[in-house]
Structure formats: C-alpha cells, structure tokens
PDB file of N, CA and C in Angstrom:
ATOM      1  N   MET A   1     -55.293 -74.279 206.247  1.00  0.00           N
ATOM      2  CA  MET A   1     -55.123 -75.029 204.825  1.00  0.00           C
ATOM      3  C   MET A   1     -54.825 -76.461 205.206  1.00  0.00           C
ATOM      4  N   ILE A   2     -55.413 -77.234 204.644  1.00  0.00           N
ATOM      5  CA  ILE A   2     -55.624 -78.863 204.639  1.00  0.00           C
ATOM      6  C   ILE A   2     -54.950 -79.660 203.344  1.00  0.00           C
ATOM      7  N   ILE A   3     -54.045 -80.488 203.789  1.00  0.00           N
ATOM      8  CA  ILE A   3     -53.308 -81.141 202.485  1.00  0.00           C
ATOM      9  C   ILE A   3     -53.413 -82.754 203.015  1.00  0.00           C
ATOM     10  N   GLN A   4     -53.128 -83.441 201.816  1.00  0.00           N
ATOM     11  CA  GLN A   4     -53.828 -85.048 201.712  1.00  0.00           C
ATOM     12  C   GLN A   4     -52.212 -85.256 201.604  1.00  0.00           C
ATOM     13  N   LEU A   5     -51.977 -86.548 202.262  1.00  0.00           N
ATOM     14  CA  LEU A   5     -50.997 -87.428 202.027  1.00  0.00           C
ATOM     15  C   LEU A   5     -51.262 -88.826 202.574  1.00  0.00           C
ATOM     16  N   VAL A   6     -50.144 -89.627 202.019  1.00  0.00           N
ATOM     17  CA  VAL A   6     -50.473 -90.947 202.472  1.00  0.00           C
ATOM     18  C   VAL A   6     -49.596 -91.185 203.901  1.00  0.00           C
ATOM     19  N   GLU A   7     -50.118 -91.628 204.886  1.00  0.00           N
ATOM     20  CA  GLU A   7     -49.583 -92.466 205.977  1.00  0.00           C
ATOM     21  C   GLU A   7     -49.247 -93.995 205.952  1.00  0.00           C
ATOM     22  N   VAL A   8     -47.849 -94.284 206.469  1.00  0.00           N
ATOM     23  CA  VAL A   8     -47.653 -95.381 206.638  1.00  0.00           C
ATOM     24  C   VAL A   8     -47.740 -95.765 207.904  1.00  0.00           C
ATOM     25  N   TYR A   9     -48.835 -96.878 208.473  1.00  0.00           N
ATOM     26  CA  TYR A   9     -48.869 -96.695 209.955  1.00  0.00           C
ATOM     27  C   TYR A   9     -48.789 -98.129 209.969  1.00  0.00           C
ATOM     28  N   LYS A  10     -48.599 -98.688 211.347  1.00  0.00           N
ATOM     29  CA  LYS A  10     -48.395-100.191 212.102  1.00  0.00           C
ATOM     30  C   LYS A  10     -49.830-100.658 211.824  1.00  0.00           C
ATOM     31  N   LEU A  11     -49.718-101.987 211.634  1.00  0.00           N
ATOM     32  CA  LEU A  11     -51.380-102.241 212.112  1.00  0.00           C
ATOM     33  C   LEU A  11     -51.356-102.667 213.258  1.00  0.00           C
ATOM     34  N   LYS A  12     -52.412-102.749 214.285  1.00  0.00           N
ATOM     35  CA  LYS A  12     -52.356-102.887 215.830  1.00  0.00           C
ATOM     36  C   LYS A  12     -53.101-104.765 215.783  1.00  0.00           C
ATOM     37  N   GLN A  13     -53.126-104.905 214.715  1.00  0.00           N
ATOM     38  CA  GLN A  13     -53.663-107.006 214.963  1.00  0.00           C
ATOM     39  C   GLN A  13     -52.155-107.570 214.105  1.00  0.00           C
ATOM     40  N   LEU A  14     -51.748-108.242 214.760  1.00  0.00           N
ATOM     41  CA  LEU A  14     -50.898-108.949 214.076  1.00  0.00           C
ATOM     42  C   LEU A  14     -50.739-109.934 212.593  1.00  0.00           C
ATOM     43  N   PRO A  15     -50.236-109.106 211.966  1.00  0.00           N
ATOM     44  CA  PRO A  15     -50.696-109.912 210.308  1.00  0.00           C
ATOM     45  C   PRO A  15     -50.431-111.033 210.445  1.00  0.00           C
ATOM     46  N   LYS A  16     -50.735-111.935 208.946  1.00  0.00           N
ATOM     47  CA  LYS A  16     -51.243-113.252 208.760  1.00  0.00           C
ATOM     48  C   LYS A  16     -49.592-113.268 208.203  1.00  0.00           C
ATOM     49  N   ALA A  17     -49.293-114.682 208.299  1.00  0.00           N
ATOM     50  CA  ALA A  17     -47.687-114.607 207.927  1.00  0.00           C
ATOM     51  C   ALA A  17     -47.052-114.365 206.629  1.00  0.00           C
ATOM     52  N   ASP A  18     -48.249-113.671 205.475  1.00  0.00           N
ATOM     53  CA  ASP A  18     -47.989-113.448 204.125  1.00  0.00           C
ATOM     54  C   ASP A  18     -48.203-112.022 204.037  1.00  0.00           C
ATOM     55  N   GLN A  19     -48.472-111.588 205.124  1.00  0.00           N
ATOM     56  CA  GLN A  19     -49.251-109.955 205.390  1.00  0.00           C
ATOM     57  C   GLN A  19     -48.000-108.804 205.990  1.00  0.00           C
ATOM     58  N   SER A  20     -48.053-107.637 205.246  1.00  0.00           N
ATOM     59  CA  SER A  20     -47.367-106.979 205.753  1.00  0.00           C
ATOM     60  C   SER A  20     -47.797-106.334 207.434  1.00  0.00           C
ATOM     61  N   PRO A  21     -46.573-106.112 208.406  1.00  0.00           N
ATOM     62  CA  PRO A  21     -47.385-105.366 209.461  1.00  0.00           C
ATOM     63  C   PRO A  21     -47.621-104.090 209.059  1.00  0.00           C
ATOM     64  N   TYR A  22     -47.497-103.470 208.312  1.00  0.00           N
ATOM     65  CA  TYR A  22     -47.626-102.147 208.203  1.00  0.00           C
ATOM     66  C   TYR A  22     -48.430-101.850 207.108  1.00  0.00           C
ATOM     67  N   SER A  23     -49.257-100.665 206.877  1.00  0.00           N
ATOM     68  CA  SER A  23     -50.336-100.519 205.676  1.00  0.00           C
ATOM     69  C   SER A  23     -50.388 -98.965 205.381  1.00  0.00           C
ATOM     70  N   LEU A  24     -51.202 -98.303 204.334  1.00  0.00           N
ATOM     71  CA  LEU A  24     -51.243 -97.103 204.037  1.00  0.00           C
ATOM     72  C   LEU A  24     -52.658 -96.455 204.047  1.00  0.00           C
ATOM     73  N   ARG A  25     -52.675 -95.513 204.387  1.00  0.00           N
ATOM     74  CA  ARG A  25     -53.830 -94.827 204.337  1.00  0.00           C
ATOM     75  C   ARG A  25     -53.728 -93.313 204.260  1.00  0.00           C
ATOM     76  N   ASP A  26     -55.100 -92.928 203.491  1.00  0.00           N
ATOM     77  CA  ASP A  26     -55.015 -91.490 203.373  1.00  0.00           C
ATOM     78  C   ASP A  26     -55.386 -90.857 204.303  1.00  0.00           C
ATOM     79  N   VAL A  27     -54.482 -89.139 204.650  1.00  0.00           N
ATOM     80  CA  VAL A  27     -54.329 -88.487 206.121  1.00  0.00           C
ATOM     81  C   VAL A  27     -54.486 -87.375 205.475  1.00  0.00           C
ATOM     82  N   PHE A  28     -55.386 -86.465 206.007  1.00  0.00           N
ATOM     83  CA  PHE A  28     -55.623 -85.082 206.349  1.00  0.00           C
ATOM     84  C   PHE A  28     -54.818 -84.597 207.308  1.00  0.00           C
ATOM     85  N   ILE A  29     -54.201 -83.201 206.838  1.00  0.00           N
ATOM     86  CA  ILE A  29     -53.278 -82.678 207.716  1.00  0.00           C
ATOM     87  C   ILE A  29     -53.538 -81.132 207.856  1.00  0.00           C
ATOM     88  N   SER A  30     -53.790 -80.359 208.736  1.00  0.00           N
ATOM     89  CA  SER A  30     -53.687 -78.918 209.103  1.00  0.00           C
ATOM     90  C   SER A  30     -52.437 -78.524 209.049  1.00  0.00           C
ATOM     91  N   THR A  31     -51.996 -77.733 207.935  1.00  0.00           N
ATOM     92  CA  THR A  31     -50.463 -77.450 207.910  1.00  0.00           C
ATOM     93  C   THR A  31     -50.280 -76.260 208.858  1.00  0.00           C
ATOM     94  N   GLU A  32     -51.131 -76.040 210.059  1.00  0.00           N
ATOM     95  CA  GLU A  32     -50.916 -74.947 210.584  1.00  0.00           C
ATOM     96  C   GLU A  32     -50.309 -75.525 212.104  1.00  0.00           C
ATOM     97  N   HIS A  33     -50.438 -76.989 211.969  1.00  0.00           N
ATOM     98  CA  HIS A  33     -49.837 -78.060 213.345  1.00  0.00           C
ATOM     99  C   HIS A  33     -48.540 -78.546 213.095  1.00  0.00           C
ATOM    100  N   ILE A  34     -48.026 -78.037 212.017  1.00  0.00           N
ATOM    101  CA  ILE A  34     -46.886 -78.901 211.491  1.00  0.00           C
ATOM    102  C   ILE A  34     -45.799 -78.188 212.166  1.00  0.00           C
ATOM    103  N   THR A  35     -45.096 -78.485 213.142  1.00  0.00           N
ATOM    104  CA  THR A  35     -43.455 -77.953 213.501  1.00  0.00           C
ATOM    105  C   THR A  35     -42.602 -78.700 213.129  1.00  0.00           C
ATOM    106  N   CYS A  36     -42.353 -79.778 212.379  1.00  0.00           N
ATOM    107  CA  CYS A  36     -41.114 -80.109 212.192  1.00  0.00           C
ATOM    108  C   CYS A  36     -41.204 -81.395 211.158  1.00  0.00           C
ATOM    109  N   LEU A  37     -40.387 -81.226 209.914  1.00  0.00           N
ATOM    110  CA  LEU A  37     -40.070 -82.725 209.270  1.00  0.00           C
ATOM    111  C   LEU A  37     -38.844 -82.858 208.728  1.00  0.00           C
ATOM    112  N   ARG A  38     -39.066 -84.439 208.789  1.00  0.00           N
ATOM    113  CA  ARG A  38     -37.615 -85.055 208.534  1.00  0.00           C
ATOM    114  C   ARG A  38     -37.739 -86.257 208.485  1.00  0.00           C
ATOM    115  N   GLU A  39     -36.419 -86.653 207.638  1.00  0.00           N
ATOM    116  CA  GLU A  39     -36.384 -87.959 206.569  1.00  0.00           C
ATOM    117  C   GLU A  39     -36.167 -89.000 207.499  1.00  0.00           C
ATOM    118  N   ASP A  40     -37.614 -89.994 207.426  1.00  0.00           N
ATOM    119  CA  ASP A  40     -37.768 -91.084 208.318  1.00  0.00           C
ATOM    120  C   ASP A  40     -36.773 -92.359 207.793  1.00  0.00           C
ATOM    121  N   LEU A  41     -35.587 -92.387 208.096  1.00  0.00           N
ATOM    122  CA  LEU A  41     -34.881 -93.750 207.501  1.00  0.00           C
ATOM    123  C   LEU A  41     -35.296 -95.032 208.237  1.00  0.00           C
ATOM    124  N   ILE A  42     -35.708 -95.019 209.061  1.00  0.00           N
ATOM    125  CA  ILE A  42     -36.245 -96.158 209.432  1.00  0.00           C
ATOM    126  C   ILE A  42     -37.269 -96.856 208.819  1.00  0.00           C
ATOM    127  N   THR A  43     -38.149 -95.822 208.219  1.00  0.00           N
ATOM    128  CA  THR A  43     -39.137 -96.727 207.519  1.00  0.00           C
ATOM    129  C   THR A  43     -38.446 -97.136 206.054  1.00  0.00           C
ATOM    130  N   SER A  44     -37.527 -96.325 205.543  1.00  0.00           N
ATOM    131  CA  SER A  44     -36.781 -96.599 204.544  1.00  0.00           C
ATOM    132  C   SER A  44     -36.021 -97.928 204.694  1.00  0.00           C
ATOM    133  N   LYS A  45     -35.592 -98.168 205.673  1.00  0.00           N
ATOM    134  CA  LYS A  45     -35.001 -99.532 206.063  1.00  0.00           C
ATOM    135  C   LYS A  45     -35.792-101.078 206.128  1.00  0.00           C
ATOM    136  N   ASN A  46     -37.152-100.290 206.715  1.00  0.00           N
ATOM    137  CA  ASN A  46     -38.293-101.373 206.556  1.00  0.00           C
ATOM    138  C   ASN A  46     -38.656-101.511 205.237  1.00  0.00           C
ATOM    139  N   LEU A  47     -38.506-100.741 204.645  1.00  0.00           N
ATOM    140  CA  LEU A  47     -38.961-101.084 202.960  1.00  0.00           C
ATOM    141  C   LEU A  47     -38.118-102.013 202.378  1.00  0.00           C
ATOM    142  N   GLN A  48     -36.866-102.010 202.517  1.00  0.00           N
ATOM    143  CA  GLN A  48     -35.751-102.596 202.324  1.00  0.00           C
ATOM    144  C   GLN A  48     -35.685-103.768 202.545  1.00  0.00           C
ATOM    145  N   SER A  49     -36.239-104.277 203.860  1.00  0.00           N
ATOM    146  CA  SER A  49     -36.321-105.136 204.465  1.00  0.00           C
ATOM    147  C   SER A  49     -37.766-105.991 204.167  1.00  0.00           C
ATOM    148  N   GLY A  50     -38.699-105.630 203.536  1.00  0.00           N
ATOM    149  CA  GLY A  50     -39.901-106.179 202.857  1.00  0.00           C
ATOM    150  C   GLY A  50     -40.744-106.093 203.791  1.00  0.00           C
ATOM    151  N   LEU A  51     -40.682-105.304 204.758  1.00  0.00           N
ATOM    152  CA  LEU A  51     -41.693-105.338 205.905  1.00  0.00           C
ATOM    153  C   LEU A  51     -42.835-104.275 205.244  1.00  0.00           C
ATOM    154  N   LEU A  52     -42.713-103.614 204.360  1.00  0.00           N
ATOM    155  CA  LEU A  52     -43.750-102.234 204.305  1.00  0.00           C
ATOM    156  C   LEU A  52     -44.612-103.042 202.862  1.00  0.00           C
ATOM    157  N   PRO A  53     -46.056-102.541 202.829  1.00  0.00           N
ATOM    158  CA  PRO A  53     -46.786-103.149 201.349  1.00  0.00           C
ATOM    159  C   PRO A  53     -46.159-103.068 200.355  1.00  0.00           C
ATOM    160  N   GLU A  54     -46.171-104.221 199.999  1.00  0.00           N
ATOM    161  CA  GLU A  54     -45.992-104.342 198.401  1.00  0.00           C
ATOM    162  C   GLU A  54     -45.599-103.328 197.195  1.00  0.00           C
ATOM    163  N   GLU A  55     -46.952-102.486 197.382  1.00  0.00           N
ATOM    164  CA  GLU A  55     -47.306-101.409 196.132  1.00  0.00           C
ATOM    165  C   GLU A  55     -46.118-100.155 196.164  1.00  0.00           C
ATOM    166  N   LEU A  56     -45.450-100.362 197.386  1.00  0.00           N
ATOM    167  CA  LEU A  56     -44.690 -98.966 197.163  1.00  0.00           C
ATOM    168  C   LEU A  56     -43.058 -99.644 196.295  1.00  0.00           C
ATOM    169  N   ASP A  57     -42.894 -98.490 195.964  1.00  0.00           N
ATOM    170  CA  ASP A  57     -41.666 -98.754 194.977  1.00  0.00           C
ATOM    171  C   ASP A  57     -40.122 -98.984 195.857  1.00  0.00           C
ATOM    172  N   SER A  58     -39.604 -99.233 195.664  1.00  0.00           N
ATOM    173  CA  SER A  58     -38.347 -99.736 196.711  1.00  0.00           C
ATOM    174  C   SER A  58     -37.423 -98.518 196.468  1.00  0.00           C
ATOM    175  N   ARG A  59     -37.300 -97.616 195.719  1.00  0.00           N
ATOM    176  CA  ARG A  59     -36.639 -96.363 195.734  1.00  0.00           C
ATOM    177  C   ARG A  59     -37.497 -95.018 196.652  1.00  0.00           C
ATOM    178  N   GLN A  60     -38.631 -95.663 197.034  1.00  0.00           N
ATOM    179  CA  GLN A  60     -39.303 -94.519 197.765  1.00  0.00           C
ATOM    180  C   GLN A  60     -38.806 -93.781 199.215  1.00  0.00           C
ATOM    181  N   ARG A  61     -38.968 -92.629 199.539  1.00  0.00           N
ATOM    182  CA  ARG A  61     -38.510 -92.171 200.374  1.00  0.00           C
ATOM    183  C   ARG A  61     -39.765 -91.971 201.342  1.00  0.00           C
ATOM    184  N   PHE A  62     -39.205 -91.288 202.581  1.00  0.00           N
ATOM    185  CA  PHE A  62     -40.739 -91.373 203.952  1.00  0.00           C
ATOM    186  C   PHE A  62     -39.869 -90.244 204.570  1.00  0.00           C
ATOM    187  N   THR A  63     -41.118 -89.299 204.938  1.00  0.00           N
ATOM    188  CA  THR A  63     -40.794 -88.064 205.920  1.00  0.00           C
ATOM    189  C   THR A  63     -41.497 -88.535 207.241  1.00  0.00           C
ATOM    190  N   LYS A  64     -41.066 -87.986 208.571  1.00  0.00           N
ATOM    191  CA  LYS A  64     -41.801 -87.965 209.417  1.00  0.00           C
ATOM    192  C   LYS A  64     -42.224 -86.607 209.809  1.00  0.00           C
ATOM    193  N   ILE A  65     -43.479 -86.364 210.278  1.00  0.00           N
ATOM    194  CA  ILE A  65     -44.068 -85.029 210.245  1.00  0.00           C
ATOM    195  C   ILE A  65     -44.424 -85.168 211.515  1.00  0.00           C
ATOM    196  N   HIS A  66     -44.063 -83.843 212.511  1.00  0.00           N
ATOM    197  CA  HIS A  66     -44.605 -83.507 214.114  1.00  0.00           C
ATOM    198  C   HIS A  66     -45.421 -82.736 213.978  1.00  0.00           C
ATOM    199  N   LEU A  67     -46.823 -83.110 214.366  1.00  0.00           N
ATOM    200  CA  LEU A  67     -47.749 -82.429 214.549  1.00  0.00           C
ATOM    201  C   LEU A  67     -48.134 -81.878 216.300  1.00  0.00           C
ATOM    202  N   ASN A  68     -47.909 -80.601 216.195  1.00  0.00           N
ATOM    203  CA  ASN A  68     -48.495 -79.901 217.723  1.00  0.00           C
ATOM    204  C   ASN A  68     -49.643 -80.112 218.106  1.00  0.00           C
ATOM    205  N   ARG A  69     -49.828 -80.458 219.129  1.00  0.00           N
ATOM    206  CA  ARG A  69     -51.350 -80.554 219.682  1.00  0.00           C
ATOM    207  C   ARG A  69     -51.509 -79.688 221.107  1.00  0.00           C
ATOM    208  N   GLY A  70     -50.868 -78.698 221.254  1.00  0.00           N
ATOM    209  CA  GLY A  70     -50.903 -78.216 222.315  1.00  0.00           C
ATOM    210  C   GLY A  70     -50.132 -78.450 223.362  1.00  0.00           C
ATOM    211  N   LEU A  71     -50.112 -79.465 224.652  1.00  0.00           N
ATOM    212  CA  LEU A  71     -49.318 -79.557 225.415  1.00  0.00           C
ATOM    213  C   LEU A  71     -48.557 -80.780 225.067  1.00  0.00           C
ATOM    214  N   SER A  72     -48.817 -81.349 223.756  1.00  0.00           N
ATOM    215  CA  SER A  72     -48.282 -83.008 223.500  1.00  0.00           C
ATOM    216  C   SER A  72     -48.327 -82.636 222.012  1.00  0.00           C
ATOM    217  N   GLY A  73     -47.293 -83.689 221.566  1.00  0.00           N
ATOM    218  CA  GLY A  73     -47.415 -83.535 220.092  1.00  0.00           C
ATOM    219  C   GLY A  73     -47.609 -85.257 219.269  1.00  0.00           C
ATOM    220  N   ILE A  74     -47.666 -85.099 218.057  1.00  0.00           N
ATOM    221  CA  ILE A  74     -47.824 -86.507 217.903  1.00  0.00           C
ATOM    222  C   ILE A  74     -46.908 -86.680 216.279  1.00  0.00           C
ATOM    223  N   ASP A  75     -46.384 -87.956 215.802  1.00  0.00           N
ATOM    224  CA  ASP A  75     -45.260 -88.043 214.777  1.00  0.00           C
ATOM    225  C   ASP A  75     -46.340 -89.009 213.749  1.00  0.00           C
ATOM    226  N   LEU A  76     -46.231 -88.664 212.553  1.00  0.00           N
ATOM    227  CA  LEU A  76     -46.687 -89.378 211.588  1.00  0.00           C
ATOM    228  C   LEU A  76     -45.515 -89.687 210.446  1.00  0.00           C
ATOM    229  N   THR A  77     -45.612 -90.892 209.582  1.00  0.00           N
ATOM    230  CA  THR A  77     -44.847 -91.476 208.833  1.00  0.00           C
ATOM    231  C   THR A  77     -45.519 -91.053 207.638  1.00  0.00           C
ATOM    232  N   VAL A  78     -45.015 -90.055 206.599  1.00  0.00           N
ATOM    233  CA  VAL A  78     -46.038 -90.253 205.031  1.00  0.00           C
ATOM    234  C   VAL A  78     -45.071 -90.684 204.055  1.00  0.00           C
ATOM    235  N   VAL A  79     -45.625 -90.904 203.086  1.00  0.00           N
ATOM    236  CA  VAL A  79     -44.713 -91.592 201.644  1.00  0.00           C
ATOM    237  C   VAL A  79     -44.266 -90.313 201.125  1.00  0.00           C
ATOM    238  N   GLY A  80     -43.162 -89.986 200.715  1.00  0.00           N
ATOM    239  CA  GLY A  80     -42.035 -88.752 199.971  1.00  0.00           C
ATOM    240  C   GLY A  80     -41.358 -88.169 200.922  1.00  0.00           C
ATOM    241  N   ASP A  81     -40.266 -87.882 200.061  1.00  0.00           N
ATOM    242  CA  ASP A  81     -39.092 -87.195 200.679  1.00  0.00           C
ATOM    243  C   ASP A  81     -39.300 -85.792 201.225  1.00  0.00           C
ATOM    244  N   PRO A  82     -38.688 -85.561 202.228  1.00  0.00           N
ATOM    245  CA  PRO A  82     -39.111 -84.205 202.841  1.00  0.00           C
ATOM    246  C   PRO A  82     -39.134 -82.876 202.153  1.00  0.00           C
ATOM    247  N   SER A  83     -38.603 -82.831 200.758  1.00  0.00           N
ATOM    248  CA  SER A  83     -38.371 -81.838 199.835  1.00  0.00           C
ATOM    249  C   SER A  83     -39.695 -82.100 199.357  1.00  0.00           C
ATOM    250  N   THR A  84     -40.080 -83.022 198.923  1.00  0.00           N
ATOM    251  CA  THR A  84     -41.712 -83.165 197.846  1.00  0.00           C
ATOM    252  C   THR A  84     -42.718 -82.789 198.952  1.00  0.00           C
ATOM    253  N   ILE A  85     -42.518 -83.233 200.485  1.00  0.00           N
ATOM    254  CA  ILE A  85     -43.881 -82.662 201.162  1.00  0.00           C
ATOM    255  C   ILE A  85     -43.526 -81.358 201.623  1.00  0.00           C
ATOM    256  N   GLN A  86     -42.600 -80.804 201.402  1.00  0.00           N
ATOM    257  CA  GLN A  86     -42.335 -79.155 202.234  1.00  0.00           C
ATOM    258  C   GLN A  86     -43.085 -78.691 200.951  1.00  0.00           C
ATOM    259  N   LYS A  87     -43.158 -78.812 199.509  1.00  0.00           N
ATOM    260  CA  LYS A  87     -43.284 -78.562 198.295  1.00  0.00           C
ATOM    261  C   LYS A  87     -45.425 -78.469 198.571  1.00  0.00           C
ATOM    262  N   LYS A  88     -45.473 -79.549 199.138  1.00  0.00           N
ATOM    263  CA  LYS A  88     -46.932 -79.531 199.294  1.00  0.00           C
ATOM    264  C   LYS A  88     -47.438 -78.679 200.347  1.00  0.00           C
ATOM    265  N   LEU A  89     -46.615 -78.571 201.310  1.00  0.00           N
ATOM    266  CA  LEU A  89     -47.107 -77.819 202.310  1.00  0.00           C
ATOM    267  C   LEU A  89     -47.089 -76.084 202.101  1.00  0.00           C
ATOM    268  N   SER A  90     -46.270 -75.830 201.071  1.00  0.00           N
ATOM    269  CA  SER A  90     -46.014 -74.835 200.448  1.00  0.00           C
ATOM    270  C   SER A  90     -47.177 -74.130 199.372  1.00  0.00           C
ATOM    271  N   GLY A  91     -48.184 -74.964 199.103  1.00  0.00           N
ATOM    272  CA  GLY A  91     -49.291 -74.256 198.460  1.00  0.00           C
ATOM    273  C   GLY A  91     -49.592 -75.375 196.898  1.00  0.00           C
ATOM    274  N   LYS A  92     -48.457 -76.223 196.652  1.00  0.00           N
ATOM    275  CA  LYS A  92     -48.574 -76.950 195.383  1.00  0.00           C
ATOM    276  C   LYS A  92     -49.964 -77.630 195.154  1.00  0.00           C
ATOM    277  N   THR A  93     -50.288 -78.428 196.271  1.00  0.00           N
ATOM    278  CA  THR A  93     -51.017 -79.449 196.195  1.00  0.00           C
ATOM    279  C   THR A  93     -52.163 -79.643 197.469  1.00  0.00           C
ATOM    280  N   LEU A  94     -52.222 -78.096 197.733  1.00  0.00           N
ATOM    281  CA  LEU A  94     -53.371 -77.677 199.134  1.00  0.00           C
ATOM    282  C   LEU A  94     -54.746 -77.926 198.546  1.00  0.00           C
ATOM    283  N   LEU A  95     -55.711 -78.562 199.466  1.00  0.00           N
ATOM    284  CA  LEU A  95     -56.805 -78.802 199.590  1.00  0.00           C
ATOM    285  C   LEU A  95     -57.541 -77.476 200.105  1.00  0.00           C
ATOM    286  N   LYS A  96     -58.925 -77.037 199.943  1.00  0.00           N
ATOM    287  CA  LYS A  96     -59.433 -75.800 200.805  1.00  0.00           C
ATOM    288  C   LYS A  96     -60.118 -76.710 202.082  1.00  0.00           C
ATOM    289  N   GLY A  97     -60.017 -76.228 202.963  1.00  0.00           N
ATOM    290  CA  GLY A  97     -61.059 -76.633 203.990  1.00  0.00           C
ATOM    291  C   GLY A  97     -61.671 -76.437 204.684  1.00  0.00           C
TER     292      GLY A  97
END
C-alpha cells in the first residue's frame, strides 16, 4: 500500500535572507518499506527557532521514517507525530497504488 504524507526537506540551494532553508512537499511512501518510526525532536527545535516554513503551526510535531532500500536505507522527516503517522500506516488514510 502507498500512503501520502508531507515531507520536510532541506533546500539544496542557499535560501534568500527572508526565506526558510527548509520546504514542504507531498511524498508517497510504500508501507512495505517502512522499518522504523520515531519522533524527530531536532525538526521540532528547528520549528521553534523559526527555521521551518511559516505555514507550519508552532505546536506541530514531526516523525522520522526509516525506509529500507535493500542494502541501504533512507530517513525522511514528515509532518505529524509518530502516533498519527502510525494510524495512517494502519489503513485510515491509505491510497490504492
């Protein structure tokens, strides 16, 4: 199954003085490749420091998702606390892929 989440990612180009070094984008993830969820406290601290996009609520929490890619893995930070993300993984908001 595939789920849609909102990823927080760091821009590759240096931002302008009034621009956040981070941005948001939709990401579609295969639930079969997720091996670990944990709260991302560093991203929460970045939000409190004003480094994340302004459209995020200051109370927002974040989850780091580890995806298994065979011999390697990748970590993504998504908007939402681990409990909310786990509910999405269990089928409440699944997309058919």
